[in-house]
Amino acid sequence: MSETRAAIMHCPFCADEDLHPVEEPHGAWECRSCLRVFAVKLLGLSTRRSAG
């Protein structure tokens, strides 16, 4: 994980906070509440501007 990015705070599946980093796959997180392992990947920035 990049030092300029915040750590994941909630599981995207069950919203629990019991998350722990796992070694494989690189950058993945384990939710010990729902037992899922997931990774979050930034794809890029949107080119759309918000109205306002």
PDB file of N, CA and C in Angstrom:
ATOM      1  N   MET A   1       0.851  -1.184   0.000  1.00  0.00           N
ATOM      2  CA  MET A   1       0.000   0.000   0.000  1.00  0.00           C
ATOM      3  C   MET A   1       0.889   1.236   0.000  1.00  0.00           C
ATOM      4  N   SER A   2       0.493   2.213  -0.780  1.00  0.00           N
ATOM      5  CA  SER A   2       1.236   3.456  -0.840  1.00  0.00           C
ATOM      6  C   SER A   2       1.110   4.205   0.482  1.00  0.00           C
ATOM      7  N   GLU A   3       2.171   4.854   0.888  1.00  0.00           N
ATOM      8  CA  GLU A   3       2.127   5.619   2.132  1.00  0.00           C
ATOM      9  C   GLU A   3       1.281   6.881   2.002  1.00  0.00           C
ATOM     10  N   THR A   4       0.929   7.276   0.779  1.00  0.00           N
ATOM     11  CA  THR A   4       0.108   8.464   0.588  1.00  0.00           C
ATOM     12  C   THR A   4      -1.379   8.131   0.544  1.00  0.00           C
ATOM     13  N   ARG A   5      -1.724   6.867   0.626  1.00  0.00           N
ATOM     14  CA  ARG A   5      -3.125   6.438   0.594  1.00  0.00           C
ATOM     15  C   ARG A   5      -3.570   6.017   1.986  1.00  0.00           C
ATOM     16  N   ALA A   6      -4.821   6.239   2.280  1.00  0.00           N
ATOM     17  CA  ALA A   6      -5.377   5.813   3.568  1.00  0.00           C
ATOM     18  C   ALA A   6      -5.648   4.316   3.545  1.00  0.00           C
ATOM     19  N   ALA A   7      -5.564   3.702   4.693  1.00  0.00           N
ATOM     20  CA  ALA A   7      -5.886   2.283   4.816  1.00  0.00           C
ATOM     21  C   ALA A   7      -7.390   2.090   4.659  1.00  0.00           C
ATOM     22  N   ILE A   8      -7.769   0.935   4.178  1.00  0.00           N
ATOM     23  CA  ILE A   8      -9.182   0.585   4.062  1.00  0.00           C
ATOM     24  C   ILE A   8      -9.768   0.514   5.468  1.00  0.00           C
ATOM     25  N   MET A   9     -10.937   1.102   5.671  1.00  0.00           N
ATOM     26  CA  MET A   9     -11.533   1.147   7.007  1.00  0.00           C
ATOM     27  C   MET A   9     -12.725   0.211   7.176  1.00  0.00           C
ATOM     28  N   HIS A  10     -13.430  -0.110   6.078  1.00  0.00           N
ATOM     29  CA  HIS A  10     -14.630  -0.940   6.152  1.00  0.00           C
ATOM     30  C   HIS A  10     -14.630  -1.967   5.026  1.00  0.00           C
ATOM     31  N   CYS A  11     -15.140  -3.145   5.324  1.00  0.00           N
ATOM     32  CA  CYS A  11     -15.307  -4.182   4.310  1.00  0.00           C
ATOM     33  C   CYS A  11     -16.370  -3.723   3.311  1.00  0.00           C
ATOM     34  N   PRO A  12     -16.105  -3.816   1.988  1.00  0.00           N
ATOM     35  CA  PRO A  12     -17.106  -3.399   1.009  1.00  0.00           C
ATOM     36  C   PRO A  12     -18.290  -4.365   0.913  1.00  0.00           C
ATOM     37  N   PHE A  13     -18.192  -5.534   1.536  1.00  0.00           N
ATOM     38  CA  PHE A  13     -19.261  -6.531   1.471  1.00  0.00           C
ATOM     39  C   PHE A  13     -20.178  -6.494   2.686  1.00  0.00           C
ATOM     40  N   CYS A  14     -19.596  -6.402   3.896  1.00  0.00           N
ATOM     41  CA  CYS A  14     -20.424  -6.452   5.108  1.00  0.00           C
ATOM     42  C   CYS A  14     -20.313  -5.183   5.955  1.00  0.00           C
ATOM     43  N   ALA A  15     -19.428  -4.266   5.590  1.00  0.00           N
ATOM     44  CA  ALA A  15     -19.221  -2.979   6.266  1.00  0.00           C
ATOM     45  C   ALA A  15     -18.577  -3.101   7.645  1.00  0.00           C
ATOM     46  N   ASP A  16     -18.089  -4.282   8.009  1.00  0.00           N
ATOM     47  CA  ASP A  16     -17.427  -4.453   9.293  1.00  0.00           C
ATOM     48  C   ASP A  16     -16.040  -3.806   9.254  1.00  0.00           C
ATOM     49  N   GLU A  17     -15.477  -3.541  10.419  1.00  0.00           N
ATOM     50  CA  GLU A  17     -14.165  -2.897  10.524  1.00  0.00           C
ATOM     51  C   GLU A  17     -13.049  -3.864  10.909  1.00  0.00           C
ATOM     52  N   ASP A  18     -13.340  -5.159  11.013  1.00  0.00           N
ATOM     53  CA  ASP A  18     -12.345  -6.145  11.440  1.00  0.00           C
ATOM     54  C   ASP A  18     -11.504  -6.592  10.243  1.00  0.00           C
ATOM     55  N   LEU A  19     -10.688  -5.680   9.718  1.00  0.00           N
ATOM     56  CA  LEU A  19      -9.887  -5.927   8.521  1.00  0.00           C
ATOM     57  C   LEU A  19      -8.419  -6.089   8.871  1.00  0.00           C
ATOM     58  N   HIS A  20      -7.760  -6.979   8.136  1.00  0.00           N
ATOM     59  CA  HIS A  20      -6.343  -7.237   8.345  1.00  0.00           C
ATOM     60  C   HIS A  20      -5.680  -7.431   6.992  1.00  0.00           C
ATOM     61  N   PRO A  21      -4.507  -6.836   6.773  1.00  0.00           N
ATOM     62  CA  PRO A  21      -3.808  -7.044   5.504  1.00  0.00           C
ATOM     63  C   PRO A  21      -3.343  -8.493   5.392  1.00  0.00           C
ATOM     64  N   VAL A  22      -3.366  -9.017   4.174  1.00  0.00           N
ATOM     65  CA  VAL A  22      -2.863 -10.367   3.906  1.00  0.00           C
ATOM     66  C   VAL A  22      -1.677 -10.263   2.960  1.00  0.00           C
ATOM     67  N   GLU A  23      -0.809 -11.254   2.990  1.00  0.00           N
ATOM     68  CA  GLU A  23       0.404 -11.219   2.165  1.00  0.00           C
ATOM     69  C   GLU A  23       0.118 -11.514   0.696  1.00  0.00           C
ATOM     70  N   GLU A  24      -0.761 -12.462   0.421  1.00  0.00           N
ATOM     71  CA  GLU A  24      -1.077 -12.839  -0.958  1.00  0.00           C
ATOM     72  C   GLU A  24      -2.579 -12.843  -1.150  1.00  0.00           C
ATOM     73  N   PRO A  25      -3.080 -12.266  -2.205  1.00  0.00           N
ATOM     74  CA  PRO A  25      -2.354 -11.477  -3.186  1.00  0.00           C
ATOM     75  C   PRO A  25      -1.912 -10.134  -2.605  1.00  0.00           C
ATOM     76  N   HIS A  26      -0.876  -9.567  -3.183  1.00  0.00           N
ATOM     77  CA  HIS A  26      -0.297  -8.320  -2.696  1.00  0.00           C
ATOM     78  C   HIS A  26      -1.363  -7.223  -2.643  1.00  0.00           C
ATOM     79  N   GLY A  27      -1.442  -6.537  -1.518  1.00  0.00           N
ATOM     80  CA  GLY A  27      -2.375  -5.429  -1.358  1.00  0.00           C
ATOM     81  C   GLY A  27      -3.782  -5.839  -0.970  1.00  0.00           C
ATOM     82  N   ALA A  28      -3.991  -7.113  -0.673  1.00  0.00           N
ATOM     83  CA  ALA A  28      -5.332  -7.590  -0.332  1.00  0.00           C
ATOM     84  C   ALA A  28      -5.595  -7.453   1.163  1.00  0.00           C
ATOM     85  N   TRP A  29      -6.872  -7.476   1.495  1.00  0.00           N
ATOM     86  CA  TRP A  29      -7.332  -7.374   2.878  1.00  0.00           C
ATOM     87  C   TRP A  29      -8.239  -8.549   3.197  1.00  0.00           C
ATOM     88  N   GLU A  30      -8.190  -9.016   4.431  1.00  0.00           N
ATOM     89  CA  GLU A  30      -9.070 -10.074   4.907  1.00  0.00           C
ATOM     90  C   GLU A  30     -10.065  -9.465   5.887  1.00  0.00           C
ATOM     91  N   CYS A  31     -11.349  -9.737   5.656  1.00  0.00           N
ATOM     92  CA  CYS A  31     -12.380  -9.338   6.611  1.00  0.00           C
ATOM     93  C   CYS A  31     -12.646 -10.547   7.495  1.00  0.00           C
ATOM     94  N   ARG A  32     -12.362 -10.424   8.758  1.00  0.00           N
ATOM     95  CA  ARG A  32     -12.539 -11.557   9.663  1.00  0.00           C
ATOM     96  C   ARG A  32     -13.983 -11.708  10.121  1.00  0.00           C
ATOM     97  N   SER A  33     -14.834 -10.786   9.720  1.00  0.00           N
ATOM     98  CA  SER A  33     -16.254 -10.903  10.041  1.00  0.00           C
ATOM     99  C   SER A  33     -16.973 -11.779   9.009  1.00  0.00           C
ATOM    100  N   CYS A  34     -16.793 -11.480   7.712  1.00  0.00           N
ATOM    101  CA  CYS A  34     -17.470 -12.255   6.663  1.00  0.00           C
ATOM    102  C   CYS A  34     -16.533 -13.233   5.955  1.00  0.00           C
ATOM    103  N   LEU A  35     -15.246 -13.238   6.350  1.00  0.00           N
ATOM    104  CA  LEU A  35     -14.236 -14.176   5.839  1.00  0.00           C
ATOM    105  C   LEU A  35     -13.910 -13.987   4.361  1.00  0.00           C
ATOM    106  N   ARG A  36     -14.171 -12.798   3.836  1.00  0.00           N
ATOM    107  CA  ARG A  36     -13.806 -12.517   2.448  1.00  0.00           C
ATOM    108  C   ARG A  36     -12.415 -11.893   2.398  1.00  0.00           C
ATOM    109  N   VAL A  37     -11.713 -12.151   1.304  1.00  0.00           N
ATOM    110  CA  VAL A  37     -10.438 -11.499   1.018  1.00  0.00           C
ATOM    111  C   VAL A  37     -10.673 -10.660  -0.235  1.00  0.00           C
ATOM    112  N   PHE A  38     -10.295  -9.388  -0.187  1.00  0.00           N
ATOM    113  CA  PHE A  38     -10.556  -8.494  -1.306  1.00  0.00           C
ATOM    114  C   PHE A  38      -9.401  -7.523  -1.485  1.00  0.00           C
ATOM    115  N   ALA A  39      -9.366  -6.895  -2.655  1.00  0.00           N
ATOM    116  CA  ALA A  39      -8.383  -5.857  -2.947  1.00  0.00           C
ATOM    117  C   ALA A  39      -9.125  -4.671  -3.556  1.00  0.00           C
ATOM    118  N   VAL A  40      -8.614  -3.487  -3.314  1.00  0.00           N
ATOM    119  CA  VAL A  40      -9.175  -2.264  -3.874  1.00  0.00           C
ATOM    120  C   VAL A  40      -8.119  -1.675  -4.793  1.00  0.00           C
ATOM    121  N   LYS A  41      -8.530  -1.308  -5.998  1.00  0.00           N
ATOM    122  CA  LYS A  41      -7.578  -0.803  -6.985  1.00  0.00           C
ATOM    123  C   LYS A  41      -8.083   0.524  -7.548  1.00  0.00           C
ATOM    124  N   LEU A  42      -7.234   1.536  -7.509  1.00  0.00           N
ATOM    125  CA  LEU A  42      -7.559   2.821  -8.116  1.00  0.00           C
ATOM    126  C   LEU A  42      -7.323   2.700  -9.617  1.00  0.00           C
ATOM    127  N   LEU A  43      -8.343   2.962 -10.410  1.00  0.00           N
ATOM    128  CA  LEU A  43      -8.225   2.857 -11.859  1.00  0.00           C
ATOM    129  C   LEU A  43      -7.800   4.165 -12.503  1.00  0.00           C
ATOM    130  N   GLY A  44      -8.073   5.283 -11.868  1.00  0.00           N
ATOM    131  CA  GLY A  44      -7.710   6.574 -12.419  1.00  0.00           C
ATOM    132  C   GLY A  44      -8.645   7.648 -11.903  1.00  0.00           C
ATOM    133  N   LEU A  45      -8.517   8.823 -12.454  1.00  0.00           N
ATOM    134  CA  LEU A  45      -9.354   9.950 -12.059  1.00  0.00           C
ATOM    135  C   LEU A  45     -10.380  10.230 -13.144  1.00  0.00           C
ATOM    136  N   SER A  46     -11.552  10.631 -12.739  1.00  0.00           N
ATOM    137  CA  SER A  46     -12.607  10.970 -13.677  1.00  0.00           C
ATOM    138  C   SER A  46     -12.271  12.283 -14.376  1.00  0.00           C
ATOM    139  N   THR A  47     -12.657  12.378 -15.622  1.00  0.00           N
ATOM    140  CA  THR A  47     -12.444  13.623 -16.364  1.00  0.00           C
ATOM    141  C   THR A  47     -13.667  14.526 -16.296  1.00  0.00           C
ATOM    142  N   ARG A  48     -14.763  14.016 -15.718  1.00  0.00           N
ATOM    143  CA  ARG A  48     -15.979  14.828 -15.579  1.00  0.00           C
ATOM    144  C   ARG A  48     -15.816  15.820 -14.444  1.00  0.00           C
ATOM    145  N   ARG A  49     -16.367  16.980 -14.619  1.00  0.00           N
ATOM    146  CA  ARG A  49     -16.395  17.980 -13.552  1.00  0.00           C
ATOM    147  C   ARG A  49     -17.776  17.963 -12.928  1.00  0.00           C
ATOM    148  N   SER A  50     -17.820  18.164 -11.626  1.00  0.00           N
ATOM    149  CA  SER A  50     -19.117  18.186 -10.947  1.00  0.00           C
ATOM    150  C   SER A  50     -19.843  19.488 -11.260  1.00  0.00           C
ATOM    151  N   ALA A  51     -21.163  19.408 -11.299  1.00  0.00           N
ATOM    152  CA  ALA A  51     -21.981  20.599 -11.550  1.00  0.00           C
ATOM    153  C   ALA A  51     -21.983  21.472 -10.305  1.00  0.00           C
ATOM    154  N   GLY A  52     -21.800  22.741 -10.493  1.00  0.00           N
ATOM    155  CA  GLY A  52     -21.877  23.609  -9.331  1.00  0.00           C
ATOM    156  C   GLY A  52     -20.897  24.633  -9.287  1.00  0.00           C
TER     157      GLY A  52
END
